């Protein structure tokens, strides 16, 4: 591929060479995607229709379900198609769209998880100010800021990545289009460094959100441990554990996928890890949130 203007299709990484295993991956991904669509769809319907769930946390959970649906619909359908029809190609524009929407939904989800942490912090540490700090207008503004930041981040990363000349072939070592794998095909040193700089800014922003989440939970746990009754402590912990579980799943899979030691890296392991952080969290999030939420159940 001489340059990015040639619009040559990319080759994605196949899950298996044997036809039986390809069909197995097809049915597995189809089941995961249908479960995720059903679970997130039920949460959207429940929050929209039940006035008991018209709370700040319910509103943010609705937005989180939208990002989970978007994330699943960005990566899984193409993987299902390729496994069923025994192909690995994706068009240039399809790859660009996949990169944009994946970064968009993933970034928005992390910002929403940070906001949801702030919701739990205010609810437990500053309950008398909850109605003031998390009114309907404030919630709408915070959610809009999360979506707008995710959109801007996706736009900058996608525009910069697909403006690079690509001269190292067209084979991506991933089952979906992802920026680090596209950068490996680039032959522009300055463009490569520019994208690395953008990734560095995004990492710093994400790290800041992560520090905020950790700090908030330290304050939350200190406040909960000061509650005199065991029933009160249990109730406070039960409202935080689903969010903490979702954040831990999101952060641990993403960090391991991108920071694992090169010595243990292999195509099969990279494929498994990429599925863990791109497919598993959006599918599990609705089940995690509904397990300990009686109103949602």
Protein backbone atom coordinates (compact mmCIF):
# COMPACT_ATOMS: atom_id res chain seq x y z
CA UNK A 1 0.00 0.00 0.00
CA UNK A 2 1.96 3.04 -1.19
CA UNK A 3 -0.02 5.66 0.69
CA UNK A 4 -3.27 6.24 2.49
CA UNK A 5 -4.94 7.68 -0.60
CA UNK A 6 -4.87 4.32 -2.37
CA UNK A 7 -7.77 3.17 -0.16
CA UNK A 8 -6.56 -0.43 -0.24
CA UNK A 9 -8.59 -2.73 2.06
CA UNK A 10 -6.99 -3.91 5.28
CA UNK A 11 -6.54 -7.54 6.29
CA UNK A 12 -7.77 -8.37 9.78
CA UNK A 13 -6.46 -11.17 11.96
CA UNK A 14 -8.46 -14.38 11.59
CA UNK A 15 -9.59 -16.22 14.70
CA UNK A 16 -8.71 -19.61 13.23
CA UNK A 17 -7.64 -21.32 10.02
CA UNK A 18 -9.93 -24.34 10.34
CA UNK A 19 -13.48 -23.89 9.12
CA UNK A 20 -14.98 -25.65 12.16
CA UNK A 21 -13.27 -23.21 14.55
CA UNK A 22 -14.35 -20.24 12.43
CA UNK A 23 -17.97 -21.34 12.73
CA UNK A 24 -17.48 -21.86 16.47
CA UNK A 25 -16.25 -18.26 16.76
CA UNK A 26 -19.23 -17.13 14.68
CA UNK A 27 -21.76 -18.74 17.05
CA UNK A 28 -19.85 -17.59 20.16
CA UNK A 29 -19.67 -13.96 19.01
CA UNK A 30 -23.29 -14.07 17.87
CA UNK A 31 -24.39 -15.31 21.30
CA UNK A 32 -22.31 -12.67 23.11
CA UNK A 33 -23.59 -9.85 20.92
CA UNK A 34 -27.25 -10.93 21.26
CA UNK A 35 -26.87 -11.22 25.05
CA UNK A 36 -25.28 -7.76 25.20
CA UNK A 37 -27.96 -6.25 22.96
CA UNK A 38 -30.75 -7.83 24.99
CA UNK A 39 -29.32 -6.92 28.41
CA UNK A 40 -28.45 -3.33 27.50
CA UNK A 41 -31.76 -2.94 25.69
CA UNK A 42 -33.62 -4.08 28.81
CA UNK A 43 -31.72 -1.55 30.93
CA UNK A 44 -32.54 1.23 28.47
CA UNK A 45 -36.22 0.25 28.52
CA UNK A 46 -36.35 -0.09 32.31
CA UNK A 47 -34.70 3.28 32.97
CA UNK A 48 -36.82 5.03 30.36
CA UNK A 49 -40.15 3.54 31.47
CA UNK A 50 -39.87 3.21 35.27
CA UNK A 51 -40.06 6.52 37.14
CA UNK A 52 -38.32 4.92 40.15
CA UNK A 53 -35.17 4.77 38.02
CA UNK A 54 -35.36 8.43 36.98
CA UNK A 55 -32.40 9.26 39.22
CA UNK A 56 -28.91 10.60 38.42
CA UNK A 57 -27.45 7.09 38.62
CA UNK A 58 -30.25 5.75 36.40
CA UNK A 59 -29.59 8.51 33.88
CA UNK A 60 -25.86 7.76 33.79
CA UNK A 61 -26.55 4.03 33.59
CA UNK A 62 -28.72 4.69 30.54
CA UNK A 63 -25.83 6.55 28.91
CA UNK A 64 -23.42 3.76 29.86
CA UNK A 65 -25.71 1.19 28.22
CA UNK A 66 -25.71 3.29 25.05
CA UNK A 67 -21.90 3.26 24.95
CA UNK A 68 -21.86 -0.50 25.57
CA UNK A 69 -24.30 -1.05 22.71
CA UNK A 70 -22.21 1.17 20.45
CA UNK A 71 -18.98 -0.59 21.40
CA UNK A 72 -20.40 -4.06 20.73
CA UNK A 73 -21.93 -2.94 17.41
CA UNK A 74 -18.61 -1.44 16.30
CA UNK A 75 -16.34 -4.49 16.54
CA UNK A 76 -18.43 -7.67 16.75
CA UNK A 77 -20.60 -7.57 13.56
CA UNK A 78 -17.56 -7.45 11.26
CA UNK A 79 -15.91 -10.27 13.21
CA UNK A 80 -19.11 -12.33 12.88
CA UNK A 81 -19.27 -11.60 9.14
CA UNK A 82 -15.63 -12.56 8.57
CA UNK A 83 -15.95 -15.80 10.54
CA UNK A 84 -19.12 -16.80 8.70
CA UNK A 85 -17.89 -16.00 5.17
CA UNK A 86 -14.25 -17.07 5.73
CA UNK A 87 -12.75 -13.69 4.88
CA UNK A 88 -10.45 -11.22 6.67
CA UNK A 89 -10.82 -8.03 4.63
CA UNK A 90 -12.27 -4.70 5.73
CA UNK A 91 -12.54 -1.66 3.48
CA UNK A 92 -10.41 1.44 4.08
CA UNK A 93 -13.47 3.54 4.94
CA UNK A 94 -14.90 0.71 7.05
CA UNK A 95 -11.65 0.57 9.01
CA UNK A 96 -11.68 4.35 9.54
CA UNK A 97 -15.29 4.18 10.76
CA UNK A 98 -14.44 1.33 13.11
CA UNK A 99 -11.51 3.25 14.61
CA UNK A 100 -13.61 6.38 15.07
CA UNK A 101 -16.57 4.70 16.76
CA UNK A 102 -14.42 2.42 18.92
CA UNK A 103 -12.41 5.35 20.30
CA UNK A 104 -15.60 7.41 20.61
CA UNK A 105 -17.57 4.86 22.63
CA UNK A 106 -14.59 3.65 24.68
CA UNK A 107 -13.54 7.19 25.63
CA UNK A 108 -17.11 8.24 26.43
CA UNK A 109 -17.60 5.15 28.60
CA UNK A 110 -14.54 5.90 30.72
CA UNK A 111 -15.63 9.51 31.25
CA UNK A 112 -19.12 8.29 32.20
CA UNK A 113 -17.64 5.84 34.70
CA UNK A 114 -15.70 8.74 36.23
CA UNK A 115 -18.89 10.80 36.51
CA UNK A 116 -20.73 7.83 38.05
CA UNK A 117 -17.96 7.60 40.63
CA UNK A 118 -18.55 11.27 41.44
CA UNK A 119 -22.26 10.46 41.85
CA UNK A 120 -21.46 7.76 44.42
CA UNK A 121 -19.00 10.08 46.19
CA UNK A 122 -21.60 12.84 46.58
CA UNK A 123 -24.37 10.39 47.56
CA UNK A 124 -22.31 8.87 50.40
CA UNK A 125 -19.91 11.63 51.48
CA UNK A 126 -22.11 14.70 50.87
CA UNK A 127 -25.70 13.42 50.97
CA UNK A 128 -27.17 16.79 52.03
CA UNK A 129 -25.79 18.40 48.86
CA UNK A 130 -26.81 15.58 46.49
CA UNK A 131 -29.85 17.32 45.06
CA UNK A 132 -27.88 20.52 44.48
CA UNK A 133 -24.71 19.03 43.00
CA UNK A 134 -26.48 16.40 40.89
CA UNK A 135 -29.64 18.09 39.69
CA UNK A 136 -31.12 17.22 36.31
CA UNK A 137 -29.34 20.10 34.55
CA UNK A 138 -25.97 19.26 36.11
CA UNK A 139 -26.36 15.60 35.12
CA UNK A 140 -27.25 16.54 31.54
CA UNK A 141 -24.24 18.87 31.32
CA UNK A 142 -21.84 16.20 32.66
CA UNK A 143 -23.18 13.54 30.30
CA UNK A 144 -22.98 15.94 27.35
CA UNK A 145 -19.38 16.77 28.30
CA UNK A 146 -18.50 13.05 28.37
CA UNK A 147 -20.02 12.45 24.91
CA UNK A 148 -18.44 15.61 23.46
CA UNK A 149 -14.98 14.75 24.84
CA UNK A 150 -15.22 11.22 23.47
CA UNK A 151 -16.30 12.58 20.08
CA UNK A 152 -13.46 15.12 19.92
CA UNK A 153 -10.89 12.51 20.96
CA UNK A 154 -12.15 10.05 18.33
CA UNK A 155 -12.16 12.73 15.63
CA UNK A 156 -8.58 13.82 16.35
CA UNK A 157 -7.20 10.28 16.55
CA UNK A 158 -9.00 9.05 13.43
CA UNK A 159 -8.16 12.10 11.31
CA UNK A 160 -4.48 11.95 12.27
CA UNK A 161 -4.12 8.17 11.93
CA UNK A 162 -5.71 7.97 8.48
CA UNK A 163 -3.77 10.97 7.18
CA UNK A 164 -0.54 8.97 7.54
CA UNK A 165 1.06 7.35 4.48
CA UNK A 166 1.09 3.58 4.90
CA UNK A 167 3.86 1.57 3.27
CA UNK A 168 4.32 -1.51 5.45
CA UNK A 169 1.63 -3.66 3.85
CA UNK A 170 -2.02 -3.86 4.83
CA UNK A 171 -2.16 -6.72 7.37
CA UNK A 172 -3.35 -5.77 10.86
CA UNK A 173 -2.49 -8.07 13.76
CA UNK A 174 -5.92 -7.59 15.29
CA UNK A 175 -9.50 -8.80 14.65
CA UNK A 176 -10.68 -5.19 14.37
CA UNK A 177 -9.09 -1.90 13.31
CA UNK A 178 -7.09 -0.43 16.16
CA UNK A 179 -4.76 2.58 16.10
CA UNK A 180 -1.53 0.95 17.40
CA UNK A 181 -1.71 -1.74 14.70
CA UNK A 182 -2.36 0.83 11.95
CA UNK A 183 0.59 2.93 13.16
CA UNK A 184 2.87 -0.07 12.60
CA UNK A 185 2.10 0.22 8.87
CA UNK A 186 3.04 3.91 8.71
CA UNK A 187 6.21 5.22 7.10
CA UNK A 188 5.79 8.85 8.25
CA UNK A 189 8.01 9.56 11.24
CA UNK A 190 6.52 12.99 12.00
CA UNK A 191 2.92 11.78 11.63
CA UNK A 192 3.71 8.77 13.80
CA UNK A 193 5.12 11.02 16.53
CA UNK A 194 2.10 13.31 16.27
CA UNK A 195 -0.27 10.41 16.88
CA UNK A 196 1.91 9.12 19.72
CA UNK A 197 1.63 12.61 21.24
CA UNK A 198 -2.17 12.48 20.95
CA UNK A 199 -2.19 9.05 22.55
CA UNK A 200 0.02 10.42 25.34
CA UNK A 201 -2.46 13.24 26.01
CA UNK A 202 -5.34 10.74 26.06
CA UNK A 203 -3.43 8.48 28.45
CA UNK A 204 -2.71 11.41 30.79
CA UNK A 205 -6.39 12.40 30.73
CA UNK A 206 -7.44 8.81 31.42
CA UNK A 207 -4.87 8.53 34.21
CA UNK A 208 -6.26 11.71 35.76
CA UNK A 209 -9.75 10.18 35.71
CA UNK A 210 -8.36 6.98 37.23
CA UNK A 211 -6.67 8.93 40.07
CA UNK A 212 -9.95 10.75 40.69
CA UNK A 213 -11.80 7.41 40.90
CA UNK A 214 -9.24 5.98 43.34
CA UNK A 215 -9.30 9.11 45.51
CA UNK A 216 -13.11 9.15 45.52
CA UNK A 217 -13.33 5.52 46.60
CA UNK A 218 -10.84 6.09 49.41
CA UNK A 219 -13.13 8.85 50.70
CA UNK A 220 -16.21 6.68 50.14
CA UNK A 221 -14.79 3.72 52.10
CA UNK A 222 -13.72 6.00 54.94
CA UNK A 223 -17.23 7.46 55.11
CA UNK A 224 -18.89 4.02 54.96
CA UNK A 225 -16.72 2.63 57.75
CA UNK A 226 -17.90 5.50 59.98
CA UNK A 227 -21.55 4.43 59.58
CA UNK A 228 -22.53 2.95 62.97
CA UNK A 229 -25.04 0.30 61.83
CA UNK A 230 -23.98 -2.80 59.93
CA UNK A 231 -27.12 -2.59 57.77
CA UNK A 232 -26.25 0.99 56.78
CA UNK A 233 -22.70 -0.02 55.84
CA UNK A 234 -23.99 -2.96 53.81
CA UNK A 235 -26.46 -0.76 51.93
CA UNK A 236 -23.78 1.84 51.17
CA UNK A 237 -21.33 -0.79 49.95
CA UNK A 238 -23.99 -2.45 47.77
CA UNK A 239 -24.55 0.80 45.85
CA UNK A 240 -20.82 1.12 45.10
CA UNK A 241 -19.73 -2.45 44.36
CA UNK A 242 -21.31 -2.72 40.86
CA UNK A 243 -19.61 0.48 39.71
CA UNK A 244 -16.31 -0.60 41.28
CA UNK A 245 -16.56 -3.98 39.53
CA UNK A 246 -17.26 -2.36 36.14
CA UNK A 247 -14.36 0.10 36.54
CA UNK A 248 -12.00 -2.71 37.60
CA UNK A 249 -13.00 -4.88 34.62
CA UNK A 250 -12.66 -1.96 32.20
CA UNK A 251 -9.29 -0.79 33.55
CA UNK A 252 -7.64 -4.18 34.16
CA UNK A 253 -8.39 -5.60 30.70
CA UNK A 254 -7.38 -2.38 28.92
CA UNK A 255 -4.15 -1.96 30.90
CA UNK A 256 -3.12 -5.58 30.43
CA UNK A 257 -3.89 -5.44 26.70
CA UNK A 258 -1.61 -2.47 26.07
CA UNK A 259 1.04 -2.78 28.81
CA UNK A 260 1.67 -6.52 28.96
CA UNK A 261 5.36 -7.54 28.69
CA UNK A 262 6.55 -8.20 25.12
CA UNK A 263 8.10 -11.46 26.31
CA UNK A 264 4.66 -13.03 26.80
CA UNK A 265 3.13 -11.53 23.67
CA UNK A 266 1.88 -13.83 20.91
CA UNK A 267 -0.82 -13.54 18.21
CA UNK A 268 -3.16 -15.94 20.00
CA UNK A 269 -2.71 -14.23 23.39
CA UNK A 270 -3.12 -10.77 21.82
CA UNK A 271 -6.34 -11.96 20.20
CA UNK A 272 -7.74 -13.29 23.49
CA UNK A 273 -6.77 -10.13 25.39
CA UNK A 274 -8.30 -7.87 22.72
CA UNK A 275 -11.58 -9.78 23.03
CA UNK A 276 -11.40 -9.42 26.82
CA UNK A 277 -11.18 -5.62 26.76
CA UNK A 278 -13.27 -4.82 23.66
CA UNK A 279 -16.11 -7.37 23.85
CA UNK A 280 -16.41 -8.77 27.37
CA UNK A 281 -16.94 -5.53 29.40
CA UNK A 282 -19.86 -4.22 27.28
CA UNK A 283 -21.49 -7.65 27.52
CA UNK A 284 -20.99 -8.04 31.29
CA UNK A 285 -21.71 -4.47 32.46
CA UNK A 286 -25.52 -4.75 32.41
CA UNK A 287 -25.42 -8.02 34.35
CA UNK A 288 -23.04 -6.56 36.95
CA UNK A 289 -25.26 -3.53 37.50
CA UNK A 290 -28.49 -5.51 37.70
CA UNK A 291 -27.23 -8.16 40.15
CA UNK A 292 -27.37 -5.91 43.24
CA UNK A 293 -30.01 -3.43 42.06
CA UNK A 294 -33.47 -4.55 43.21
CA UNK A 295 -35.26 -1.71 41.40
CA UNK A 296 -33.51 -2.55 38.14
CA UNK A 297 -34.30 -6.24 38.52
